[in-house]
PDB file of N, CA and C in Angstrom:
ATOM      1  N   MET A   1      -9.557   7.714  16.635  1.00  0.00           N
ATOM      2  CA  MET A   1      -8.785   7.500  17.409  1.00  0.00           C
ATOM      3  C   MET A   1      -7.135   7.348  16.676  1.00  0.00           C
ATOM      4  N   SER A   2      -6.687   8.114  18.156  1.00  0.00           N
ATOM      5  CA  SER A   2      -5.292   8.052  18.023  1.00  0.00           C
ATOM      6  C   SER A   2      -4.203   7.300  18.986  1.00  0.00           C
ATOM      7  N   VAL A   3      -3.016   6.498  18.625  1.00  0.00           N
ATOM      8  CA  VAL A   3      -2.221   6.079  19.377  1.00  0.00           C
ATOM      9  C   VAL A   3      -0.957   6.195  19.724  1.00  0.00           C
ATOM     10  N   SER A   4      -0.719   6.485  21.103  1.00  0.00           N
ATOM     11  CA  SER A   4       0.389   6.745  21.740  1.00  0.00           C
ATOM     12  C   SER A   4       1.741   5.961  20.980  1.00  0.00           C
ATOM     13  N   VAL A   5       2.632   6.460  20.568  1.00  0.00           N
ATOM     14  CA  VAL A   5       3.896   5.487  20.446  1.00  0.00           C
ATOM     15  C   VAL A   5       5.350   6.222  21.454  1.00  0.00           C
ATOM     16  N   SER A   6       5.917   5.492  22.072  1.00  0.00           N
ATOM     17  CA  SER A   6       6.864   5.536  22.856  1.00  0.00           C
ATOM     18  C   SER A   6       8.036   6.267  21.788  1.00  0.00           C
ATOM     19  N   LYS A   7       8.997   6.862  22.392  1.00  0.00           N
ATOM     20  CA  LYS A   7      10.392   7.344  21.574  1.00  0.00           C
ATOM     21  C   LYS A   7      10.887   5.942  21.525  1.00  0.00           C
ATOM     22  N   GLU A   8      10.717   4.946  22.121  1.00  0.00           N
ATOM     23  CA  GLU A   8      11.605   3.513  22.278  1.00  0.00           C
ATOM     24  C   GLU A   8      10.914   2.808  20.632  1.00  0.00           C
ATOM     25  N   GLU A   9       9.706   2.793  20.787  1.00  0.00           N
ATOM     26  CA  GLU A   9       8.948   2.157  19.689  1.00  0.00           C
ATOM     27  C   GLU A   9       9.114   3.180  18.420  1.00  0.00           C
ATOM     28  N   GLU A  10       9.299   4.254  18.568  1.00  0.00           N
ATOM     29  CA  GLU A  10       9.474   5.188  17.210  1.00  0.00           C
ATOM     30  C   GLU A  10      10.728   4.900  16.748  1.00  0.00           C
ATOM     31  N   ARG A  11      11.948   4.988  17.829  1.00  0.00           N
ATOM     32  CA  ARG A  11      13.361   4.392  17.511  1.00  0.00           C
ATOM     33  C   ARG A  11      13.178   3.076  16.677  1.00  0.00           C
ATOM     34  N   LEU A  12      12.556   2.205  17.518  1.00  0.00           N
ATOM     35  CA  LEU A  12      13.017   0.664  16.862  1.00  0.00           C
ATOM     36  C   LEU A  12      11.979   0.761  15.351  1.00  0.00           C
ATOM     37  N   PHE A  13      10.756   1.573  15.102  1.00  0.00           N
ATOM     38  CA  PHE A  13       9.939   1.167  14.039  1.00  0.00           C
ATOM     39  C   PHE A  13      11.058   1.914  12.884  1.00  0.00           C
ATOM     40  N   GLU A  14      11.631   3.015  13.209  1.00  0.00           N
ATOM     41  CA  GLU A  14      12.767   4.105  12.277  1.00  0.00           C
ATOM     42  C   GLU A  14      13.738   2.908  11.707  1.00  0.00           C
ATOM     43  N   GLN A  15      14.599   2.181  13.137  1.00  0.00           N
ATOM     44  CA  GLN A  15      15.378   1.136  12.768  1.00  0.00           C
ATOM     45  C   GLN A  15      15.186   0.181  11.528  1.00  0.00           C
ATOM     46  N   THR A  16      13.894  -0.536  12.089  1.00  0.00           N
ATOM     47  CA  THR A  16      13.212  -1.633  11.141  1.00  0.00           C
ATOM     48  C   THR A  16      13.141  -1.078   9.170  1.00  0.00           C
ATOM     49  N   LEU A  17      12.889  -0.208   9.661  1.00  0.00           N
ATOM     50  CA  LEU A  17      12.527   0.316   8.356  1.00  0.00           C
ATOM     51  C   LEU A  17      13.464   0.837   7.527  1.00  0.00           C
ATOM     52  N   GLY A  18      14.699   1.142   8.034  1.00  0.00           N
ATOM     53  CA  GLY A  18      15.864   1.732   7.716  1.00  0.00           C
ATOM     54  C   GLY A  18      16.764   0.054   7.099  1.00  0.00           C
ATOM     55  N   ALA A  19      16.352  -1.254   8.048  1.00  0.00           N
ATOM     56  CA  ALA A  19      16.755  -2.171   7.469  1.00  0.00           C
ATOM     57  C   ALA A  19      16.139  -2.992   6.192  1.00  0.00           C
ATOM     58  N   ALA A  20      14.856  -2.686   6.326  1.00  0.00           N
ATOM     59  CA  ALA A  20      14.013  -3.066   5.165  1.00  0.00           C
ATOM     60  C   ALA A  20      14.404  -2.777   3.953  1.00  0.00           C
ATOM     61  N   ARG A  21      14.463  -4.337   3.273  1.00  0.00           N
ATOM     62  CA  ARG A  21      14.808  -4.275   1.873  1.00  0.00           C
ATOM     63  C   ARG A  21      13.541  -3.681   0.999  1.00  0.00           C
ATOM     64  N   ASP A  22      12.524  -4.211   1.165  1.00  0.00           N
ATOM     65  CA  ASP A  22      11.506  -3.419   0.367  1.00  0.00           C
ATOM     66  C   ASP A  22      10.553  -2.732   0.798  1.00  0.00           C
ATOM     67  N   THR A  23      10.325  -2.596   2.015  1.00  0.00           N
ATOM     68  CA  THR A  23       9.038  -1.372   2.704  1.00  0.00           C
ATOM     69  C   THR A  23       9.718  -0.357   2.954  1.00  0.00           C
ATOM     70  N   ARG A  24       9.457   0.948   2.868  1.00  0.00           N
ATOM     71  CA  ARG A  24       9.906   2.118   2.691  1.00  0.00           C
ATOM     72  C   ARG A  24       9.407   2.807   3.636  1.00  0.00           C
ATOM     73  N   VAL A  25       8.082   2.657   3.476  1.00  0.00           N
ATOM     74  CA  VAL A  25       7.155   3.487   4.469  1.00  0.00           C
ATOM     75  C   VAL A  25       6.019   2.560   5.191  1.00  0.00           C
ATOM     76  N   PHE A  26       5.739   2.703   6.491  1.00  0.00           N
ATOM     77  CA  PHE A  26       4.596   2.033   7.317  1.00  0.00           C
ATOM     78  C   PHE A  26       4.104   2.966   7.926  1.00  0.00           C
ATOM     79  N   ALA A  27       2.373   3.346   7.718  1.00  0.00           N
ATOM     80  CA  ALA A  27       1.791   4.203   8.508  1.00  0.00           C
ATOM     81  C   ALA A  27       0.487   3.517   8.958  1.00  0.00           C
ATOM     82  N   ALA A  28       0.275   3.706  10.162  1.00  0.00           N
ATOM     83  CA  ALA A  28      -1.205   2.889  10.779  1.00  0.00           C
ATOM     84  C   ALA A  28      -1.476   3.818  11.779  1.00  0.00           C
ATOM     85  N   GLU A  29      -2.972   4.343  11.038  1.00  0.00           N
ATOM     86  CA  GLU A  29      -3.521   5.195  12.078  1.00  0.00           C
ATOM     87  C   GLU A  29      -5.054   5.435  11.420  1.00  0.00           C
ATOM     88  N   GLU A  30      -5.933   5.599  12.077  1.00  0.00           N
ATOM     89  CA  GLU A  30      -7.405   5.826  11.629  1.00  0.00           C
ATOM     90  C   GLU A  30      -7.478   6.594  10.546  1.00  0.00           C
ATOM     91  N   GLY A  31      -8.056   6.097   9.432  1.00  0.00           N
ATOM     92  CA  GLY A  31      -8.137   6.897   8.173  1.00  0.00           C
ATOM     93  C   GLY A  31      -7.110   6.726   7.306  1.00  0.00           C
ATOM     94  N   ILE A  32      -5.999   6.170   7.491  1.00  0.00           N
ATOM     95  CA  ILE A  32      -4.898   6.242   6.413  1.00  0.00           C
ATOM     96  C   ILE A  32      -5.357   6.502   5.434  1.00  0.00           C
ATOM     97  N   ARG A  33      -5.854   5.091   5.107  1.00  0.00           N
ATOM     98  CA  ARG A  33      -6.203   4.782   3.359  1.00  0.00           C
ATOM     99  C   ARG A  33      -6.824   5.654   2.598  1.00  0.00           C
ATOM    100  N   HIS A  34      -7.320   6.980   3.327  1.00  0.00           N
ATOM    101  CA  HIS A  34      -8.092   8.412   3.086  1.00  0.00           C
ATOM    102  C   HIS A  34      -7.178   9.164   2.382  1.00  0.00           C
ATOM    103  N   ARG A  35      -5.483   8.714   2.559  1.00  0.00           N
ATOM    104  CA  ARG A  35      -4.184   9.749   2.272  1.00  0.00           C
ATOM    105  C   ARG A  35      -3.116   8.425   1.617  1.00  0.00           C
ATOM    106  N   ALA A  36      -3.509   7.994   1.148  1.00  0.00           N
ATOM    107  CA  ALA A  36      -2.667   6.784   0.483  1.00  0.00           C
ATOM    108  C   ALA A  36      -1.824   7.488  -0.810  1.00  0.00           C
ATOM    109  N   ALA A  37      -2.177   8.228  -1.342  1.00  0.00           N
ATOM    110  CA  ALA A  37      -1.829   8.893  -2.679  1.00  0.00           C
ATOM    111  C   ALA A  37      -0.620   9.911  -1.777  1.00  0.00           C
ATOM    112  N   GLN A  38      -0.884  10.693  -0.840  1.00  0.00           N
ATOM    113  CA  GLN A  38      -0.146  11.693  -0.492  1.00  0.00           C
ATOM    114  C   GLN A  38       1.017  10.874   0.319  1.00  0.00           C
ATOM    115  N   ILE A  39       0.920   9.626   0.622  1.00  0.00           N
ATOM    116  CA  ILE A  39       2.218   8.918   1.402  1.00  0.00           C
ATOM    117  C   ILE A  39       3.204   8.423   0.186  1.00  0.00           C
ATOM    118  N   PHE A  40       2.539   8.196  -0.736  1.00  0.00           N
ATOM    119  CA  PHE A  40       2.782   7.160  -2.178  1.00  0.00           C
ATOM    120  C   PHE A  40       3.814   8.363  -2.732  1.00  0.00           C
ATOM    121  N   GLU A  41       3.375   9.539  -2.842  1.00  0.00           N
ATOM    122  CA  GLU A  41       4.246  10.492  -3.748  1.00  0.00           C
ATOM    123  C   GLU A  41       5.888  10.957  -3.041  1.00  0.00           C
ATOM    124  N   PRO A  42       5.794  11.115  -2.190  1.00  0.00           N
ATOM    125  CA  PRO A  42       7.326  11.927  -1.576  1.00  0.00           C
ATOM    126  C   PRO A  42       8.232  10.468  -2.045  1.00  0.00           C
ATOM    127  N   VAL A  43       7.765   8.980  -1.824  1.00  0.00           N
ATOM    128  CA  VAL A  43       8.595   7.443  -1.810  1.00  0.00           C
ATOM    129  C   VAL A  43       8.503   7.753  -3.592  1.00  0.00           C
ATOM    130  N   PHE A  44       7.456   7.496  -4.092  1.00  0.00           N
ATOM    131  CA  PHE A  44       7.979   7.208  -5.714  1.00  0.00           C
ATOM    132  C   PHE A  44       7.327   8.446  -6.607  1.00  0.00           C
ATOM    133  N   GLY A  45       7.331   9.508  -6.352  1.00  0.00           N
ATOM    134  CA  GLY A  45       7.069  10.672  -7.211  1.00  0.00           C
ATOM    135  C   GLY A  45       5.731  10.107  -8.189  1.00  0.00           C
ATOM    136  N   SER A  46       5.972  10.672  -9.618  1.00  0.00           N
ATOM    137  CA  SER A  46       4.842  10.346 -10.308  1.00  0.00           C
ATOM    138  C   SER A  46       4.647   9.105 -10.801  1.00  0.00           C
ATOM    139  N   GLN A  47       5.376   7.982 -10.170  1.00  0.00           N
ATOM    140  CA  GLN A  47       4.996   6.781 -11.008  1.00  0.00           C
ATOM    141  C   GLN A  47       3.813   6.310 -10.272  1.00  0.00           C
ATOM    142  N   PRO A  48       2.719   5.502 -11.612  1.00  0.00           N
ATOM    143  CA  PRO A  48       1.613   5.413 -11.153  1.00  0.00           C
ATOM    144  C   PRO A  48       1.749   3.847 -10.178  1.00  0.00           C
ATOM    145  N   ALA A  49       0.664   4.075  -9.180  1.00  0.00           N
ATOM    146  CA  ALA A  49       0.205   3.148  -8.734  1.00  0.00           C
ATOM    147  C   ALA A  49      -0.421   1.539  -9.104  1.00  0.00           C
ATOM    148  N   MET A  50      -0.523   0.551  -7.871  1.00  0.00           N
ATOM    149  CA  MET A  50      -1.570  -0.549  -8.403  1.00  0.00           C
ATOM    150  C   MET A  50      -1.980  -0.871  -6.939  1.00  0.00           C
ATOM    151  N   ILE A  51      -3.073  -0.940  -7.123  1.00  0.00           N
ATOM    152  CA  ILE A  51      -3.349  -1.806  -5.475  1.00  0.00           C
ATOM    153  C   ILE A  51      -3.587  -3.131  -5.746  1.00  0.00           C
ATOM    154  N   VAL A  52      -3.201  -3.834  -4.685  1.00  0.00           N
ATOM    155  CA  VAL A  52      -3.206  -5.149  -4.657  1.00  0.00           C
ATOM    156  C   VAL A  52      -3.559  -5.642  -3.493  1.00  0.00           C
ATOM    157  N   ALA A  53      -4.743  -6.175  -3.018  1.00  0.00           N
ATOM    158  CA  ALA A  53      -5.638  -6.497  -2.014  1.00  0.00           C
ATOM    159  C   ALA A  53      -6.704  -7.773  -2.622  1.00  0.00           C
ATOM    160  N   ASP A  54      -7.018  -8.769  -1.460  1.00  0.00           N
ATOM    161  CA  ASP A  54      -7.864 -10.017  -1.568  1.00  0.00           C
ATOM    162  C   ASP A  54      -9.230  -9.268  -1.776  1.00  0.00           C
ATOM    163  N   ARG A  55     -10.170  -9.671  -1.966  1.00  0.00           N
ATOM    164  CA  ARG A  55     -11.703  -9.005  -2.205  1.00  0.00           C
ATOM    165  C   ARG A  55     -12.146  -8.718  -0.982  1.00  0.00           C
ATOM    166  N   ASN A  56     -11.734  -9.774   0.219  1.00  0.00           N
ATOM    167  CA  ASN A  56     -12.318  -8.606   1.380  1.00  0.00           C
ATOM    168  C   ASN A  56     -11.630  -7.325   1.792  1.00  0.00           C
ATOM    169  N   THR A  57     -10.232  -7.374   1.836  1.00  0.00           N
ATOM    170  CA  THR A  57      -9.561  -6.244   2.165  1.00  0.00           C
ATOM    171  C   THR A  57     -10.120  -4.924   1.023  1.00  0.00           C
ATOM    172  N   PHE A  58     -10.015  -5.617  -0.356  1.00  0.00           N
ATOM    173  CA  PHE A  58     -10.191  -4.118  -1.435  1.00  0.00           C
ATOM    174  C   PHE A  58     -11.810  -3.717  -0.913  1.00  0.00           C
ATOM    175  N   ALA A  59     -13.018  -4.832  -0.324  1.00  0.00           N
ATOM    176  CA  ALA A  59     -14.609  -4.331  -0.027  1.00  0.00           C
ATOM    177  C   ALA A  59     -14.125  -3.482   1.327  1.00  0.00           C
ATOM    178  N   ALA A  60     -13.175  -3.589   2.023  1.00  0.00           N
ATOM    179  CA  ALA A  60     -13.364  -2.891   3.472  1.00  0.00           C
ATOM    180  C   ALA A  60     -12.620  -1.540   3.046  1.00  0.00           C
ATOM    181  N   ALA A  61     -11.661  -1.437   2.060  1.00  0.00           N
ATOM    182  CA  ALA A  61     -10.680  -0.085   2.306  1.00  0.00           C
ATOM    183  C   ALA A  61     -10.034  -0.294   0.917  1.00  0.00           C
ATOM    184  N   GLY A  62     -10.013  -0.775  -0.074  1.00  0.00           N
ATOM    185  CA  GLY A  62      -9.237  -0.770  -1.176  1.00  0.00           C
ATOM    186  C   GLY A  62      -9.884   0.576  -2.047  1.00  0.00           C
ATOM    187  N   ARG A  63     -11.086   0.201  -2.083  1.00  0.00           N
ATOM    188  CA  ARG A  63     -11.875   1.512  -3.176  1.00  0.00           C
ATOM    189  C   ARG A  63     -11.404   2.892  -2.442  1.00  0.00           C
ATOM    190  N   ASP A  64     -11.278   3.085  -1.067  1.00  0.00           N
ATOM    191  CA  ASP A  64     -11.023   3.959  -0.581  1.00  0.00           C
ATOM    192  C   ASP A  64      -9.514   4.981  -0.928  1.00  0.00           C
ATOM    193  N   VAL A  65      -8.678   3.625  -0.866  1.00  0.00           N
ATOM    194  CA  VAL A  65      -7.025   3.744  -1.670  1.00  0.00           C
ATOM    195  C   VAL A  65      -7.231   3.953  -2.770  1.00  0.00           C
ATOM    196  N   VAL A  66      -7.811   3.844  -3.691  1.00  0.00           N
ATOM    197  CA  VAL A  66      -7.843   4.057  -5.278  1.00  0.00           C
ATOM    198  C   VAL A  66      -8.614   5.229  -5.363  1.00  0.00           C
ATOM    199  N   ASP A  67      -9.859   6.076  -4.774  1.00  0.00           N
ATOM    200  CA  ASP A  67     -10.387   7.113  -4.643  1.00  0.00           C
ATOM    201  C   ASP A  67      -8.849   8.160  -4.116  1.00  0.00           C
ATOM    202  N   SER A  68      -8.614   7.771  -2.912  1.00  0.00           N
ATOM    203  CA  SER A  68      -7.449   9.153  -2.810  1.00  0.00           C
ATOM    204  C   SER A  68      -6.510   9.235  -4.061  1.00  0.00           C
ATOM    205  N   PHE A  69      -5.940   8.260  -4.557  1.00  0.00           N
ATOM    206  CA  PHE A  69      -5.099   8.587  -5.741  1.00  0.00           C
ATOM    207  C   PHE A  69      -6.041   9.083  -7.083  1.00  0.00           C
ATOM    208  N   ARG A  70      -7.409   9.084  -6.910  1.00  0.00           N
ATOM    209  CA  ARG A  70      -8.147   9.599  -8.275  1.00  0.00           C
ATOM    210  C   ARG A  70      -8.261  10.982  -7.829  1.00  0.00           C
ATOM    211  N   ARG A  71      -8.676  11.628  -6.310  1.00  0.00           N
ATOM    212  CA  ARG A  71      -8.475  12.807  -5.632  1.00  0.00           C
ATOM    213  C   ARG A  71      -7.701  13.834  -5.839  1.00  0.00           C
ATOM    214  N   ALA A  72      -6.085  12.903  -5.397  1.00  0.00           N
ATOM    215  CA  ALA A  72      -4.710  13.642  -6.041  1.00  0.00           C
ATOM    216  C   ALA A  72      -4.378  13.991  -7.360  1.00  0.00           C
ATOM    217  N   ASN A  73      -5.177  13.042  -8.220  1.00  0.00           N
ATOM    218  CA  ASN A  73      -4.941  13.157  -9.601  1.00  0.00           C
ATOM    219  C   ASN A  73      -4.112  12.316 -10.143  1.00  0.00           C
ATOM    220  N   ARG A  74      -3.411  10.945  -9.109  1.00  0.00           N
ATOM    221  CA  ARG A  74      -2.482  10.632  -9.449  1.00  0.00           C
ATOM    222  C   ARG A  74      -2.402   9.429 -10.489  1.00  0.00           C
ATOM    223  N   ALA A  75      -1.627   8.881 -10.905  1.00  0.00           N
ATOM    224  CA  ALA A  75      -1.838   7.583 -11.969  1.00  0.00           C
ATOM    225  C   ALA A  75      -1.956   6.646 -11.010  1.00  0.00           C
ATOM    226  N   CYS A  76      -3.265   5.774 -11.221  1.00  0.00           N
ATOM    227  CA  CYS A  76      -3.626   4.218 -10.418  1.00  0.00           C
ATOM    228  C   CYS A  76      -3.996   3.403 -11.585  1.00  0.00           C
ATOM    229  N   THR A  77      -3.239   2.060 -11.693  1.00  0.00           N
ATOM    230  CA  THR A  77      -3.634   1.389 -12.314  1.00  0.00           C
ATOM    231  C   THR A  77      -4.876   0.811 -12.168  1.00  0.00           C
ATOM    232  N   GLU A  78      -5.489  -0.323 -12.878  1.00  0.00           N
ATOM    233  CA  GLU A  78      -6.668  -1.174 -12.303  1.00  0.00           C
ATOM    234  C   GLU A  78      -6.210  -1.783 -11.366  1.00  0.00           C
ATOM    235  N   PRO A  79      -7.359  -1.908 -10.050  1.00  0.00           N
ATOM    236  CA  PRO A  79      -6.394  -2.989  -9.064  1.00  0.00           C
ATOM    237  C   PRO A  79      -6.252  -4.056  -9.068  1.00  0.00           C
ATOM    238  N   LEU A  80      -5.701  -4.936  -8.711  1.00  0.00           N
ATOM    239  CA  LEU A  80      -5.436  -6.268  -8.821  1.00  0.00           C
ATOM    240  C   LEU A  80      -5.957  -7.094  -7.598  1.00  0.00           C
ATOM    241  N   VAL A  81      -7.138  -7.463  -7.766  1.00  0.00           N
ATOM    242  CA  VAL A  81      -7.996  -7.958  -6.393  1.00  0.00           C
ATOM    243  C   VAL A  81      -8.217  -9.242  -6.675  1.00  0.00           C
ATOM    244  N   PHE A  82      -7.301 -10.097  -5.568  1.00  0.00           N
ATOM    245  CA  PHE A  82      -7.753 -11.629  -5.557  1.00  0.00           C
ATOM    246  C   PHE A  82      -8.523 -11.898  -4.574  1.00  0.00           C
ATOM    247  N   SER A  83      -9.157 -13.369  -5.027  1.00  0.00           N
ATOM    248  CA  SER A  83     -10.622 -13.658  -4.247  1.00  0.00           C
ATOM    249  C   SER A  83     -10.358 -14.372  -3.174  1.00  0.00           C
ATOM    250  N   THR A  84      -9.284 -15.028  -3.019  1.00  0.00           N
ATOM    251  CA  THR A  84      -9.108 -15.183  -1.364  1.00  0.00           C
ATOM    252  C   THR A  84      -7.420 -14.140  -0.838  1.00  0.00           C
ATOM    253  N   ASN A  85      -7.930 -14.587   0.459  1.00  0.00           N
ATOM    254  CA  ASN A  85      -6.487 -13.895   0.901  1.00  0.00           C
ATOM    255  C   ASN A  85      -4.836 -14.040   0.263  1.00  0.00           C
ATOM    256  N   ILE A  86      -4.075 -13.071   0.075  1.00  0.00           N
ATOM    257  CA  ILE A  86      -3.240 -13.210  -0.648  1.00  0.00           C
ATOM    258  C   ILE A  86      -2.138 -13.331   0.255  1.00  0.00           C
ATOM    259  N   GLY A  87      -0.831 -13.979  -0.268  1.00  0.00           N
ATOM    260  CA  GLY A  87       0.303 -14.554   0.603  1.00  0.00           C
ATOM    261  C   GLY A  87       1.377 -14.422  -0.511  1.00  0.00           C
ATOM    262  N   ALA A  88       2.211 -14.477   0.447  1.00  0.00           N
ATOM    263  CA  ALA A  88       4.057 -14.289   0.124  1.00  0.00           C
ATOM    264  C   ALA A  88       4.264 -15.854  -0.854  1.00  0.00           C
ATOM    265  N   ASP A  89       3.155 -16.292  -1.217  1.00  0.00           N
ATOM    266  CA  ASP A  89       3.464 -17.470  -2.269  1.00  0.00           C
ATOM    267  C   ASP A  89       4.055 -17.407  -3.915  1.00  0.00           C
ATOM    268  N   TYR A  90       4.423 -18.148  -4.229  1.00  0.00           N
ATOM    269  CA  TYR A  90       4.748 -18.193  -5.191  1.00  0.00           C
ATOM    270  C   TYR A  90       3.399 -17.710  -6.432  1.00  0.00           C
ATOM    271  N   GLN A  91       2.687 -17.972  -6.434  1.00  0.00           N
ATOM    272  CA  GLN A  91       1.352 -18.168  -7.364  1.00  0.00           C
ATOM    273  C   GLN A  91       1.208 -16.526  -7.139  1.00  0.00           C
ATOM    274  N   HIS A  92       0.698 -15.856  -6.290  1.00  0.00           N
ATOM    275  CA  HIS A  92       0.589 -14.818  -6.226  1.00  0.00           C
ATOM    276  C   HIS A  92       1.594 -13.826  -6.485  1.00  0.00           C
ATOM    277  N   VAL A  93       2.813 -14.202  -6.298  1.00  0.00           N
ATOM    278  CA  VAL A  93       4.133 -13.471  -6.810  1.00  0.00           C
ATOM    279  C   VAL A  93       4.126 -13.133  -8.384  1.00  0.00           C
ATOM    280  N   GLU A  94       3.466 -14.188  -8.940  1.00  0.00           N
ATOM    281  CA  GLU A  94       3.516 -14.529 -10.622  1.00  0.00           C
ATOM    282  C   GLU A  94       2.701 -13.450 -10.902  1.00  0.00           C
ATOM    283  N   ALA A  95       1.171 -13.549 -10.382  1.00  0.00           N
ATOM    284  CA  ALA A  95       0.364 -12.984 -10.667  1.00  0.00           C
ATOM    285  C   ALA A  95       0.612 -11.630 -10.595  1.00  0.00           C
ATOM    286  N   ILE A  96       1.279 -10.893  -9.785  1.00  0.00           N
ATOM    287  CA  ILE A  96       1.571  -9.522  -9.552  1.00  0.00           C
ATOM    288  C   ILE A  96       2.503  -9.300 -10.587  1.00  0.00           C
ATOM    289  N   GLU A  97       3.661  -9.752 -10.757  1.00  0.00           N
ATOM    290  CA  GLU A  97       4.373  -9.819 -11.633  1.00  0.00           C
ATOM    291  C   GLU A  97       4.155  -9.498 -13.164  1.00  0.00           C
ATOM    292  N   ALA A  98       2.780 -10.180 -13.537  1.00  0.00           N
ATOM    293  CA  ALA A  98       2.407 -10.368 -14.712  1.00  0.00           C
ATOM    294  C   ALA A  98       1.497  -9.176 -14.889  1.00  0.00           C
ATOM    295  N   ALA A  99       0.607  -8.756 -13.835  1.00  0.00           N
ATOM    296  CA  ALA A  99      -0.067  -7.674 -13.748  1.00  0.00           C
ATOM    297  C   ALA A  99       0.960  -6.344 -13.958  1.00  0.00           C
ATOM    298  N   LEU A 100       1.870  -6.384 -13.485  1.00  0.00           N
ATOM    299  CA  LEU A 100       3.130  -5.171 -13.444  1.00  0.00           C
ATOM    300  C   LEU A 100       3.334  -4.914 -14.422  1.00  0.00           C
ATOM    301  N   ARG A 101       3.770  -6.075 -15.440  1.00  0.00           N
ATOM    302  CA  ARG A 101       4.878  -6.026 -16.454  1.00  0.00           C
ATOM    303  C   ARG A 101       4.119  -5.169 -17.883  1.00  0.00           C
ATOM    304  N   PRO A 102       3.248  -4.828 -18.205  1.00  0.00           N
ATOM    305  CA  PRO A 102       2.585  -3.969 -19.422  1.00  0.00           C
ATOM    306  C   PRO A 102       3.180  -2.473 -18.834  1.00  0.00           C
ATOM    307  N   GLY A 103       3.252  -2.196 -17.655  1.00  0.00           N
ATOM    308  CA  GLY A 103       3.745  -0.770 -17.219  1.00  0.00           C
ATOM    309  C   GLY A 103       4.563  -0.429 -16.115  1.00  0.00           C
ATOM    310  N   ARG A 104       4.625   0.767 -15.620  1.00  0.00           N
ATOM    311  CA  ARG A 104       5.711   0.573 -14.499  1.00  0.00           C
ATOM    312  C   ARG A 104       5.186   1.190 -13.237  1.00  0.00           C
ATOM    313  N   ALA A 105       4.192   0.670 -12.804  1.00  0.00           N
ATOM    314  CA  ALA A 105       3.233   0.788 -11.404  1.00  0.00           C
ATOM    315  C   ALA A 105       3.943   0.209 -10.456  1.00  0.00           C
ATOM    316  N   ILE A 106       3.552   0.731  -9.040  1.00  0.00           N
ATOM    317  CA  ILE A 106       4.310   0.386  -8.139  1.00  0.00           C
ATOM    318  C   ILE A 106       3.262  -0.437  -7.253  1.00  0.00           C
ATOM    319  N   PRO A 107       3.373  -1.537  -6.685  1.00  0.00           N
ATOM    320  CA  PRO A 107       2.182  -2.213  -6.209  1.00  0.00           C
ATOM    321  C   PRO A 107       2.277  -1.737  -4.602  1.00  0.00           C
ATOM    322  N   SER A 108       0.891  -1.273  -4.073  1.00  0.00           N
ATOM    323  CA  SER A 108       0.468  -0.861  -2.757  1.00  0.00           C
ATOM    324  C   SER A 108      -0.167  -1.592  -2.141  1.00  0.00           C
ATOM    325  N   LEU A 109      -0.090  -2.371  -1.200  1.00  0.00           N
ATOM    326  CA  LEU A 109      -0.885  -3.100  -0.427  1.00  0.00           C
ATOM    327  C   LEU A 109      -1.897  -2.089   0.580  1.00  0.00           C
ATOM    328  N   SER A 110      -3.445  -2.596  -0.126  1.00  0.00           N
ATOM    329  CA  SER A 110      -4.233  -2.024   0.943  1.00  0.00           C
ATOM    330  C   SER A 110      -4.653  -2.900   2.391  1.00  0.00           C
ATOM    331  N   GLY A 111      -4.866  -1.864   3.051  1.00  0.00           N
ATOM    332  CA  GLY A 111      -5.263  -2.476   4.236  1.00  0.00           C
ATOM    333  C   GLY A 111      -6.389  -1.678   5.149  1.00  0.00           C
ATOM    334  N   ARG A 112      -7.107  -2.312   6.119  1.00  0.00           N
ATOM    335  CA  ARG A 112      -8.001  -1.100   6.557  1.00  0.00           C
ATOM    336  C   ARG A 112      -7.717  -0.180   7.296  1.00  0.00           C
ATOM    337  N   GLU A 113      -6.710  -0.109   7.971  1.00  0.00           N
ATOM    338  CA  GLU A 113      -6.103   1.060   8.599  1.00  0.00           C
ATOM    339  C   GLU A 113      -4.537   1.058   8.895  1.00  0.00           C
ATOM    340  N   GLN A 114      -4.071   0.614   7.579  1.00  0.00           N
ATOM    341  CA  GLN A 114      -2.602   0.354   7.242  1.00  0.00           C
ATOM    342  C   GLN A 114      -2.593   0.754   5.763  1.00  0.00           C
ATOM    343  N   SER A 115      -1.228   1.288   5.677  1.00  0.00           N
ATOM    344  CA  SER A 115      -0.225   1.178   4.196  1.00  0.00           C
ATOM    345  C   SER A 115       0.448   1.070   4.505  1.00  0.00           C
ATOM    346  N   THR A 116       1.320  -0.265   3.185  1.00  0.00           N
ATOM    347  CA  THR A 116       2.526  -0.605   3.594  1.00  0.00           C
ATOM    348  C   THR A 116       3.052  -0.205   2.000  1.00  0.00           C
ATOM    349  N   ILE A 117       3.988   0.696   1.747  1.00  0.00           N
ATOM    350  CA  ILE A 117       4.792   0.830   0.506  1.00  0.00           C
ATOM    351  C   ILE A 117       5.959   0.908   0.476  1.00  0.00           C
TER     352      ILE A 117
END
């Protein structure tokens, strides 16, 4: 499935990403999860990735994201999978920080048909 985006929508996406503090890339298209490593590399180089998801999202798409890193021979730590929907609350932030502490991995949120880096 291909979605047509107007020039104005494209301009707004670029403007929003330019103003974002943390998000560097937003990609939404069918099958994007199979290309996660390709999207990750230009932004983060050879740094390892860590997939962060809840168990439902990981079951739907996370394994494909991990597999994309393995196929590309890219470093990817063990995924951090929460049992429930994750949110921007302090409990989840602390868990992600603790999981990232031992290495230099970059968190990548996996979604069914989107990838946010």
